[in-house]
């Protein structure tokens, strides 16, 4: 029993020694960070260098700048996506030739014309419309049979009430 307590005490001590520095370490306080920034600015000013200051926008300025950044990010993403999509098509008048294989065994991605893409898209949309119509007819037929089954369950076995 004494050996158990000794092992337990030793394990506890090792855990405390290993975990205590992690638990007690804290990120630098804001005062320390502000002090370092202030000292850096003062040293740069003494050296004769211009120090850029961050503008103080306030609440509404911050919200406005956040919205402005979102708009700019959205424009940039839209432009990049549009460029990627447009690079996947060739002109209708261009003759498409197969690119030769490169030494590492890969080939260039095949490109199609916009009219071919629209034909494929049209065929797929027509197929989806047929599938939707088929599913709609089946669900209506099933709903009608289910409704008749519920109706017969609810009202089929009841007798008319007799008064008196």
N, C-alpha and C. Protein backbone atom coordinates (compact mmCIF):
# COMPACT_ATOMS: atom_id res chain seq x y z
N UNK A 1 0.82 -1.19 0.00
CA UNK A 1 0.00 0.00 0.00
C UNK A 1 0.87 1.26 0.00
N UNK A 2 1.99 1.19 0.70
CA UNK A 2 2.89 2.33 0.77
C UNK A 2 3.49 2.62 -0.60
N UNK A 3 3.73 1.55 -1.37
CA UNK A 3 4.30 1.73 -2.71
C UNK A 3 3.28 2.47 -3.60
N UNK A 4 2.00 2.18 -3.44
CA UNK A 4 0.95 2.85 -4.22
C UNK A 4 0.94 4.34 -3.91
N UNK A 5 0.98 4.70 -2.64
CA UNK A 5 0.97 6.11 -2.26
C UNK A 5 2.23 6.82 -2.73
N UNK A 6 3.35 6.14 -2.71
CA UNK A 6 4.59 6.73 -3.19
C UNK A 6 4.51 7.00 -4.70
N UNK A 7 3.99 6.01 -5.46
CA UNK A 7 3.84 6.18 -6.90
C UNK A 7 2.84 7.28 -7.22
N UNK A 8 1.75 7.31 -6.44
CA UNK A 8 0.72 8.33 -6.65
C UNK A 8 1.28 9.71 -6.36
N UNK A 9 2.03 9.85 -5.28
CA UNK A 9 2.62 11.13 -4.91
C UNK A 9 3.63 11.57 -5.96
N UNK A 10 4.45 10.65 -6.44
CA UNK A 10 5.44 10.97 -7.46
C UNK A 10 4.77 11.40 -8.76
N UNK A 11 3.73 10.68 -9.17
CA UNK A 11 2.99 11.03 -10.39
C UNK A 11 2.34 12.40 -10.26
N UNK A 12 1.75 12.66 -9.11
CA UNK A 12 1.12 13.96 -8.87
C UNK A 12 2.15 15.08 -8.95
N UNK A 13 3.31 14.86 -8.34
CA UNK A 13 4.37 15.86 -8.34
C UNK A 13 4.85 16.14 -9.77
N UNK A 14 5.02 15.08 -10.56
CA UNK A 14 5.48 15.26 -11.94
C UNK A 14 4.44 16.02 -12.76
N UNK A 15 3.18 15.71 -12.56
CA UNK A 15 2.11 16.40 -13.30
C UNK A 15 2.08 17.87 -12.91
N UNK A 16 2.20 18.15 -11.61
CA UNK A 16 2.18 19.54 -11.15
C UNK A 16 3.37 20.30 -11.72
N UNK A 17 4.55 19.68 -11.71
CA UNK A 17 5.74 20.35 -12.23
C UNK A 17 5.61 20.59 -13.74
N UNK A 18 5.02 19.65 -14.46
CA UNK A 18 4.90 19.79 -15.91
C UNK A 18 3.79 20.75 -16.31
N UNK A 19 2.69 20.74 -15.57
CA UNK A 19 1.51 21.52 -15.97
C UNK A 19 1.54 22.93 -15.39
N UNK A 20 2.17 23.13 -14.24
CA UNK A 20 2.14 24.43 -13.57
C UNK A 20 2.67 25.56 -14.46
N UNK A 21 3.78 25.42 -15.15
CA UNK A 21 4.24 26.52 -16.01
C UNK A 21 3.25 26.83 -17.14
N UNK A 22 2.60 25.79 -17.66
CA UNK A 22 1.64 26.02 -18.74
C UNK A 22 0.41 26.76 -18.24
N UNK A 23 -0.02 26.44 -17.04
CA UNK A 23 -1.23 27.06 -16.49
C UNK A 23 -0.95 28.49 -16.07
N UNK A 24 0.21 28.72 -15.49
CA UNK A 24 0.50 30.06 -14.97
C UNK A 24 0.97 31.01 -16.04
N UNK A 25 1.41 30.51 -17.19
CA UNK A 25 1.86 31.43 -18.24
C UNK A 25 0.64 32.13 -18.83
N UNK A 26 0.76 33.43 -19.00
CA UNK A 26 -0.33 34.22 -19.52
C UNK A 26 0.19 35.03 -20.70
N UNK A 27 -0.70 35.38 -21.60
CA UNK A 27 -0.26 36.23 -22.69
C UNK A 27 0.11 37.60 -22.14
N UNK A 28 0.92 38.34 -22.85
CA UNK A 28 1.30 39.66 -22.34
C UNK A 28 0.07 40.54 -22.19
N UNK A 29 0.11 41.34 -21.15
CA UNK A 29 -1.01 42.23 -20.90
C UNK A 29 -1.03 43.34 -21.94
N UNK A 30 -2.17 43.99 -22.05
CA UNK A 30 -2.29 45.08 -23.01
C UNK A 30 -1.34 46.22 -22.65
N UNK A 31 -1.13 46.45 -21.36
CA UNK A 31 -0.23 47.53 -20.95
C UNK A 31 1.19 47.27 -21.45
N UNK A 32 1.64 46.03 -21.35
CA UNK A 32 2.98 45.70 -21.81
C UNK A 32 3.09 45.87 -23.32
N UNK A 33 2.08 45.43 -24.06
CA UNK A 33 2.08 45.55 -25.51
C UNK A 33 2.04 47.01 -25.94
N UNK A 34 1.21 47.80 -25.25
CA UNK A 34 1.12 49.22 -25.56
C UNK A 34 2.43 49.91 -25.23
N UNK A 35 3.04 49.51 -24.13
CA UNK A 35 4.33 50.10 -23.75
C UNK A 35 5.41 49.81 -24.78
N UNK A 36 5.45 48.58 -25.28
CA UNK A 36 6.44 48.24 -26.30
C UNK A 36 6.20 49.05 -27.57
N UNK A 37 4.94 49.17 -27.96
CA UNK A 37 4.61 49.92 -29.16
C UNK A 37 4.99 51.39 -28.99
N UNK A 38 4.71 51.93 -27.83
CA UNK A 38 5.03 53.33 -27.56
C UNK A 38 6.55 53.55 -27.58
N UNK A 39 7.29 52.62 -26.98
CA UNK A 39 8.74 52.74 -26.96
C UNK A 39 9.31 52.66 -28.38
N UNK A 40 8.75 51.78 -29.21
CA UNK A 40 9.19 51.66 -30.60
C UNK A 40 8.93 52.96 -31.36
N UNK A 41 7.75 53.54 -31.16
CA UNK A 41 7.42 54.80 -31.83
C UNK A 41 8.36 55.93 -31.42
N UNK A 42 8.63 56.00 -30.11
CA UNK A 42 9.51 57.06 -29.62
C UNK A 42 10.91 56.89 -30.20
N UNK A 43 11.41 55.66 -30.24
CA UNK A 43 12.75 55.44 -30.78
C UNK A 43 12.80 55.77 -32.28
N UNK A 44 11.73 55.45 -33.01
CA UNK A 44 11.70 55.78 -34.43
C UNK A 44 11.61 57.28 -34.65
N UNK A 45 10.84 57.97 -33.81
CA UNK A 45 10.74 59.42 -33.94
C UNK A 45 12.08 60.08 -33.64
N UNK A 46 12.81 59.58 -32.63
CA UNK A 46 14.12 60.13 -32.30
C UNK A 46 15.11 59.91 -33.44
N UNK A 47 14.93 58.79 -34.15
CA UNK A 47 15.82 58.49 -35.27
C UNK A 47 15.47 59.32 -36.50
N UNK A 48 14.38 60.07 -36.44
CA UNK A 48 13.99 60.94 -37.54
C UNK A 48 13.13 60.25 -38.59
N UNK A 49 12.60 59.09 -38.28
CA UNK A 49 11.76 58.38 -39.24
C UNK A 49 10.30 58.71 -38.98
N UNK A 50 9.52 58.73 -40.04
CA UNK A 50 8.09 59.03 -39.94
C UNK A 50 7.35 57.77 -39.50
N UNK A 51 6.49 57.92 -38.52
CA UNK A 51 5.74 56.78 -38.00
C UNK A 51 4.29 56.94 -38.42
N UNK A 52 3.79 55.92 -39.12
CA UNK A 52 2.38 55.96 -39.53
C UNK A 52 1.50 55.65 -38.33
N UNK A 53 0.44 56.40 -38.20
CA UNK A 53 -0.50 56.15 -37.11
C UNK A 53 -1.78 55.58 -37.68
N UNK A 54 -2.38 54.70 -36.95
CA UNK A 54 -3.63 54.09 -37.37
C UNK A 54 -4.77 55.08 -37.09
N UNK A 55 -5.62 55.32 -38.07
CA UNK A 55 -6.71 56.27 -37.83
C UNK A 55 -7.71 55.70 -36.82
N UNK A 56 -8.27 56.59 -36.05
CA UNK A 56 -9.29 56.18 -35.09
C UNK A 56 -10.65 56.42 -35.74
N UNK A 57 -11.30 55.33 -36.07
CA UNK A 57 -12.54 55.42 -36.81
C UNK A 57 -13.78 55.54 -35.93
N UNK A 58 -13.78 54.96 -34.78
CA UNK A 58 -14.97 54.90 -33.97
C UNK A 58 -15.84 53.74 -34.40
N UNK A 59 -17.01 53.64 -33.79
CA UNK A 59 -17.89 52.49 -34.05
C UNK A 59 -18.38 52.47 -35.49
N UNK A 60 -18.98 53.59 -35.95
CA UNK A 60 -19.57 53.61 -37.28
C UNK A 60 -18.50 53.54 -38.37
N UNK A 61 -17.35 54.16 -38.13
CA UNK A 61 -16.26 54.06 -39.09
C UNK A 61 -15.76 52.63 -39.22
N UNK A 62 -15.69 51.92 -38.09
CA UNK A 62 -15.26 50.53 -38.11
C UNK A 62 -16.26 49.68 -38.88
N UNK A 63 -17.56 49.89 -38.64
CA UNK A 63 -18.60 49.13 -39.36
C UNK A 63 -18.52 49.44 -40.85
N UNK A 64 -18.36 50.73 -41.18
CA UNK A 64 -18.27 51.12 -42.59
C UNK A 64 -17.06 50.46 -43.26
N UNK A 65 -15.91 50.48 -42.59
CA UNK A 65 -14.71 49.87 -43.17
C UNK A 65 -14.86 48.36 -43.30
N UNK A 66 -15.55 47.74 -42.35
CA UNK A 66 -15.80 46.30 -42.45
C UNK A 66 -16.66 45.99 -43.67
N UNK A 67 -17.71 46.77 -43.88
CA UNK A 67 -18.57 46.57 -45.05
C UNK A 67 -17.79 46.82 -46.33
N UNK A 68 -16.96 47.86 -46.34
CA UNK A 68 -16.15 48.17 -47.51
C UNK A 68 -15.18 47.04 -47.84
N UNK A 69 -14.55 46.47 -46.82
CA UNK A 69 -13.64 45.34 -47.04
C UNK A 69 -14.40 44.13 -47.59
N UNK A 70 -15.61 43.88 -47.08
CA UNK A 70 -16.41 42.77 -47.58
C UNK A 70 -16.76 42.97 -49.06
N UNK A 71 -17.11 44.19 -49.42
CA UNK A 71 -17.45 44.48 -50.81
C UNK A 71 -16.23 44.26 -51.70
N UNK A 72 -15.08 44.75 -51.27
CA UNK A 72 -13.85 44.58 -52.06
C UNK A 72 -13.47 43.11 -52.19
N UNK A 73 -13.60 42.35 -51.10
CA UNK A 73 -13.29 40.91 -51.16
C UNK A 73 -14.24 40.19 -52.11
N UNK A 74 -15.51 40.56 -52.06
CA UNK A 74 -16.50 39.93 -52.93
C UNK A 74 -16.21 40.24 -54.39
N UNK A 75 -15.87 41.49 -54.69
CA UNK A 75 -15.52 41.86 -56.07
C UNK A 75 -14.31 41.08 -56.54
N UNK A 76 -13.32 40.98 -55.69
CA UNK A 76 -12.09 40.26 -56.06
C UNK A 76 -12.39 38.78 -56.32
N UNK A 77 -13.16 38.16 -55.43
CA UNK A 77 -13.49 36.74 -55.60
C UNK A 77 -14.31 36.53 -56.87
N UNK A 78 -15.26 37.41 -57.13
CA UNK A 78 -16.09 37.30 -58.33
C UNK A 78 -15.22 37.41 -59.58
N UNK A 79 -14.29 38.36 -59.57
CA UNK A 79 -13.40 38.53 -60.72
C UNK A 79 -12.53 37.29 -60.94
N UNK A 80 -12.00 36.72 -59.88
CA UNK A 80 -11.16 35.54 -60.01
C UNK A 80 -11.96 34.34 -60.52
N UNK A 81 -13.16 34.16 -59.98
CA UNK A 81 -14.01 33.03 -60.41
C UNK A 81 -14.42 33.21 -61.88
N UNK A 82 -14.79 34.44 -62.25
CA UNK A 82 -15.17 34.70 -63.65
C UNK A 82 -14.01 34.40 -64.59
N UNK A 83 -12.81 34.79 -64.19
CA UNK A 83 -11.64 34.53 -65.02
C UNK A 83 -11.40 33.02 -65.18
N UNK A 84 -11.54 32.27 -64.06
CA UNK A 84 -11.35 30.82 -64.13
C UNK A 84 -12.37 30.17 -65.05
N UNK A 85 -13.63 30.59 -64.95
CA UNK A 85 -14.68 30.00 -65.77
C UNK A 85 -14.48 30.37 -67.24
N UNK A 86 -14.16 31.63 -67.50
CA UNK A 86 -13.99 32.06 -68.89
C UNK A 86 -12.79 31.39 -69.55
N UNK A 87 -11.78 31.03 -68.78
CA UNK A 87 -10.61 30.37 -69.35
C UNK A 87 -10.89 28.92 -69.73
N UNK A 88 -12.03 28.38 -69.32
CA UNK A 88 -12.35 26.99 -69.63
C UNK A 88 -13.04 26.84 -70.98
N UNK A 89 -13.41 27.94 -71.60
CA UNK A 89 -14.12 27.89 -72.88
C UNK A 89 -13.24 28.45 -73.99
N UNK A 90 -13.48 27.96 -75.19
CA UNK A 90 -12.83 28.51 -76.38
C UNK A 90 -13.91 29.16 -77.23
N UNK A 91 -13.48 29.99 -78.18
CA UNK A 91 -14.44 30.65 -79.07
C UNK A 91 -15.10 29.62 -79.97
N UNK A 92 -16.29 29.97 -80.46
CA UNK A 92 -17.04 29.04 -81.32
C UNK A 92 -16.33 28.81 -82.65
N UNK A 93 -15.59 29.78 -83.14
CA UNK A 93 -14.94 29.67 -84.45
C UNK A 93 -13.58 28.98 -84.38
N UNK A 94 -13.06 28.77 -83.19
CA UNK A 94 -11.74 28.19 -83.04
C UNK A 94 -11.79 26.69 -83.28
N UNK A 95 -10.80 26.19 -84.01
CA UNK A 95 -10.70 24.75 -84.23
C UNK A 95 -9.94 24.15 -83.05
N UNK A 96 -10.56 23.15 -82.41
CA UNK A 96 -9.96 22.54 -81.23
C UNK A 96 -9.07 21.40 -81.67
N UNK A 97 -7.80 21.47 -81.29
CA UNK A 97 -6.87 20.39 -81.60
C UNK A 97 -6.41 19.79 -80.28
N UNK A 98 -6.08 18.53 -80.32
CA UNK A 98 -5.60 17.86 -79.11
C UNK A 98 -4.17 18.28 -78.84
N UNK A 99 -3.91 18.69 -77.62
CA UNK A 99 -2.56 19.13 -77.25
C UNK A 99 -1.67 17.91 -77.07
N UNK A 100 -0.40 18.02 -77.44
CA UNK A 100 0.50 16.88 -77.25
C UNK A 100 0.80 16.67 -75.77
N UNK A 101 1.16 15.44 -75.44
CA UNK A 101 1.47 15.14 -74.04
C UNK A 101 2.78 15.80 -73.64
N UNK A 102 2.84 16.21 -72.41
CA UNK A 102 4.07 16.79 -71.88
C UNK A 102 4.96 15.66 -71.39
N UNK A 103 6.23 15.94 -71.12
CA UNK A 103 7.14 14.86 -70.69
C UNK A 103 6.70 14.14 -69.41
N UNK A 104 5.94 14.81 -68.54
CA UNK A 104 5.54 14.12 -67.30
C UNK A 104 4.25 13.32 -67.47
N UNK A 105 3.71 13.25 -68.68
CA UNK A 105 2.56 12.38 -68.94
C UNK A 105 1.21 13.05 -68.80
N UNK A 106 1.17 14.34 -68.53
CA UNK A 106 -0.13 15.01 -68.40
C UNK A 106 -0.45 15.74 -69.69
N UNK A 107 -1.71 15.95 -69.91
CA UNK A 107 -2.15 16.70 -71.08
C UNK A 107 -2.89 17.93 -70.61
N UNK A 108 -3.04 18.87 -71.50
CA UNK A 108 -3.78 20.09 -71.17
C UNK A 108 -5.25 19.74 -70.99
N UNK A 109 -5.93 20.52 -70.17
CA UNK A 109 -7.34 20.25 -69.94
C UNK A 109 -8.13 20.52 -71.21
N UNK A 110 -9.04 19.62 -71.56
CA UNK A 110 -9.82 19.85 -72.77
C UNK A 110 -10.78 21.02 -72.57
N UNK A 111 -10.95 21.80 -73.63
CA UNK A 111 -11.84 22.96 -73.55
C UNK A 111 -12.97 22.77 -74.55
N UNK A 112 -14.15 23.26 -74.19
CA UNK A 112 -15.30 23.16 -75.07
C UNK A 112 -15.78 24.56 -75.41
N UNK A 113 -16.61 24.63 -76.43
CA UNK A 113 -17.17 25.93 -76.81
C UNK A 113 -18.38 26.21 -75.94
N UNK A 114 -18.76 27.46 -75.93
CA UNK A 114 -19.92 27.85 -75.12
C UNK A 114 -21.20 27.20 -75.66
N UNK A 115 -21.30 27.04 -76.98
CA UNK A 115 -22.52 26.42 -77.54
C UNK A 115 -22.61 24.95 -77.12
N UNK A 116 -21.46 24.23 -77.10
CA UNK A 116 -21.47 22.85 -76.64
C UNK A 116 -21.87 22.78 -75.17
N UNK A 117 -21.33 23.70 -74.39
CA UNK A 117 -21.68 23.73 -72.97
C UNK A 117 -23.18 23.98 -72.78
N UNK A 118 -23.74 24.91 -73.55
CA UNK A 118 -25.17 25.20 -73.43
C UNK A 118 -26.02 24.01 -73.86
N UNK A 119 -25.57 23.26 -74.88
CA UNK A 119 -26.31 22.06 -75.30
C UNK A 119 -26.31 21.02 -74.17
N UNK A 120 -25.15 20.81 -73.56
CA UNK A 120 -25.06 19.85 -72.45
C UNK A 120 -25.94 20.30 -71.28
N UNK A 121 -25.87 21.60 -70.98
CA UNK A 121 -26.67 22.13 -69.89
C UNK A 121 -28.17 22.00 -70.17
N UNK A 122 -28.57 22.28 -71.41
CA UNK A 122 -29.97 22.15 -71.79
C UNK A 122 -30.45 20.71 -71.66
N UNK A 123 -29.63 19.76 -72.13
CA UNK A 123 -29.99 18.34 -72.03
C UNK A 123 -30.13 17.92 -70.56
N UNK A 124 -29.22 18.37 -69.72
CA UNK A 124 -29.29 18.02 -68.30
C UNK A 124 -30.52 18.63 -67.63
N UNK A 125 -30.83 19.87 -67.97
CA UNK A 125 -32.00 20.51 -67.37
C UNK A 125 -33.30 19.84 -67.82
N UNK A 126 -33.36 19.44 -69.09
CA UNK A 126 -34.55 18.72 -69.56
C UNK A 126 -34.70 17.38 -68.83
N UNK A 127 -33.60 16.69 -68.62
CA UNK A 127 -33.64 15.42 -67.87
C UNK A 127 -34.09 15.64 -66.44
N UNK A 128 -33.60 16.71 -65.81
CA UNK A 128 -34.04 17.01 -64.44
C UNK A 128 -35.52 17.36 -64.39
N UNK A 129 -36.00 18.08 -65.41
CA UNK A 129 -37.43 18.42 -65.46
C UNK A 129 -38.27 17.16 -65.61
N UNK A 130 -37.84 16.22 -66.47
CA UNK A 130 -38.58 14.96 -66.61
C UNK A 130 -38.59 14.18 -65.30
N UNK A 131 -37.46 14.13 -64.63
CA UNK A 131 -37.37 13.43 -63.35
C UNK A 131 -38.28 14.08 -62.31
N UNK A 132 -38.29 15.42 -62.27
CA UNK A 132 -39.15 16.12 -61.31
C UNK A 132 -40.62 15.84 -61.60
N UNK A 133 -41.00 15.86 -62.88
CA UNK A 133 -42.40 15.59 -63.23
C UNK A 133 -42.79 14.15 -62.87
N UNK A 134 -41.89 13.20 -63.10
CA UNK A 134 -42.17 11.81 -62.74
C UNK A 134 -42.35 11.67 -61.23
N UNK A 135 -41.43 12.27 -60.48
CA UNK A 135 -41.54 12.20 -59.01
C UNK A 135 -42.82 12.88 -58.52
N UNK A 136 -43.20 13.98 -59.14
CA UNK A 136 -44.40 14.70 -58.75
C UNK A 136 -45.64 13.84 -59.00
N UNK A 137 -45.72 13.18 -60.18
CA UNK A 137 -46.86 12.31 -60.46
C UNK A 137 -46.92 11.16 -59.47
N UNK A 138 -45.78 10.54 -59.19
CA UNK A 138 -45.75 9.41 -58.24
C UNK A 138 -46.17 9.86 -56.84
N UNK A 139 -45.70 11.02 -56.42
CA UNK A 139 -46.06 11.48 -55.08
C UNK A 139 -47.54 11.83 -54.99
N UNK A 140 -48.11 12.39 -56.06
CA UNK A 140 -49.55 12.68 -56.04
C UNK A 140 -50.35 11.39 -56.00
N UNK A 141 -49.92 10.39 -56.77
CA UNK A 141 -50.63 9.11 -56.79
C UNK A 141 -50.53 8.45 -55.41
N UNK A 142 -49.33 8.45 -54.83
CA UNK A 142 -49.16 7.87 -53.50
C UNK A 142 -49.94 8.64 -52.45
N UNK A 143 -49.98 9.96 -52.58
CA UNK A 143 -50.71 10.77 -51.60
C UNK A 143 -52.20 10.44 -51.66
N UNK A 144 -52.73 10.27 -52.89
CA UNK A 144 -54.15 9.96 -53.02
C UNK A 144 -54.47 8.60 -52.40
N UNK A 145 -53.63 7.61 -52.66
CA UNK A 145 -53.89 6.29 -52.08
C UNK A 145 -53.71 6.31 -50.57
N UNK A 146 -52.73 7.06 -50.07
CA UNK A 146 -52.56 7.19 -48.62
C UNK A 146 -53.76 7.89 -47.99
N UNK A 147 -54.26 8.93 -48.67
CA UNK A 147 -55.41 9.66 -48.15
C UNK A 147 -56.64 8.75 -48.07
N UNK A 148 -56.86 7.92 -49.08
CA UNK A 148 -57.99 7.00 -49.06
C UNK A 148 -57.82 5.96 -47.96
N UNK A 149 -56.58 5.50 -47.73
CA UNK A 149 -56.33 4.54 -46.65
C UNK A 149 -56.61 5.15 -45.28
N UNK A 150 -56.17 6.36 -45.06
CA UNK A 150 -56.43 7.02 -43.78
C UNK A 150 -57.93 7.27 -43.59
N UNK A 151 -58.58 7.66 -44.67
CA UNK A 151 -60.02 7.94 -44.59
C UNK A 151 -60.77 6.67 -44.21
N UNK A 152 -60.39 5.56 -44.83
CA UNK A 152 -61.09 4.31 -44.51
C UNK A 152 -60.76 3.86 -43.08
N UNK A 153 -59.55 4.13 -42.60
CA UNK A 153 -59.21 3.79 -41.22
C UNK A 153 -60.01 4.63 -40.24
N UNK A 154 -60.13 5.90 -40.54
CA UNK A 154 -60.83 6.79 -39.61
C UNK A 154 -62.35 6.59 -39.63
N UNK A 155 -62.91 6.52 -40.84
CA UNK A 155 -64.37 6.54 -40.92
C UNK A 155 -64.97 5.24 -41.47
N UNK A 156 -64.16 4.29 -41.90
CA UNK A 156 -64.69 3.09 -42.52
C UNK A 156 -65.35 2.15 -41.53
N UNK A 157 -64.82 2.00 -40.34
CA UNK A 157 -65.33 1.02 -39.41
C UNK A 157 -66.38 1.56 -38.44
N UNK A 158 -66.68 2.84 -38.51
CA UNK A 158 -67.64 3.41 -37.56
C UNK A 158 -69.07 3.23 -38.04
N UNK A 159 -69.94 3.03 -37.10
CA UNK A 159 -71.35 2.93 -37.43
C UNK A 159 -71.98 4.28 -37.15
N UNK A 160 -73.08 4.49 -37.79
CA UNK A 160 -73.81 5.74 -37.56
C UNK A 160 -74.36 5.76 -36.15
N UNK A 161 -74.36 6.91 -35.53
CA UNK A 161 -74.86 7.02 -34.17
C UNK A 161 -76.38 6.91 -34.17
N UNK A 162 -76.83 6.22 -33.21
CA UNK A 162 -78.28 6.15 -33.07
C UNK A 162 -78.68 7.09 -31.97
N UNK A 163 -79.73 7.81 -32.19
CA UNK A 163 -80.22 8.76 -31.20
C UNK A 163 -81.16 8.04 -30.26
N UNK A 164 -80.93 8.20 -28.97
CA UNK A 164 -81.90 7.66 -28.04
C UNK A 164 -81.42 6.70 -27.06
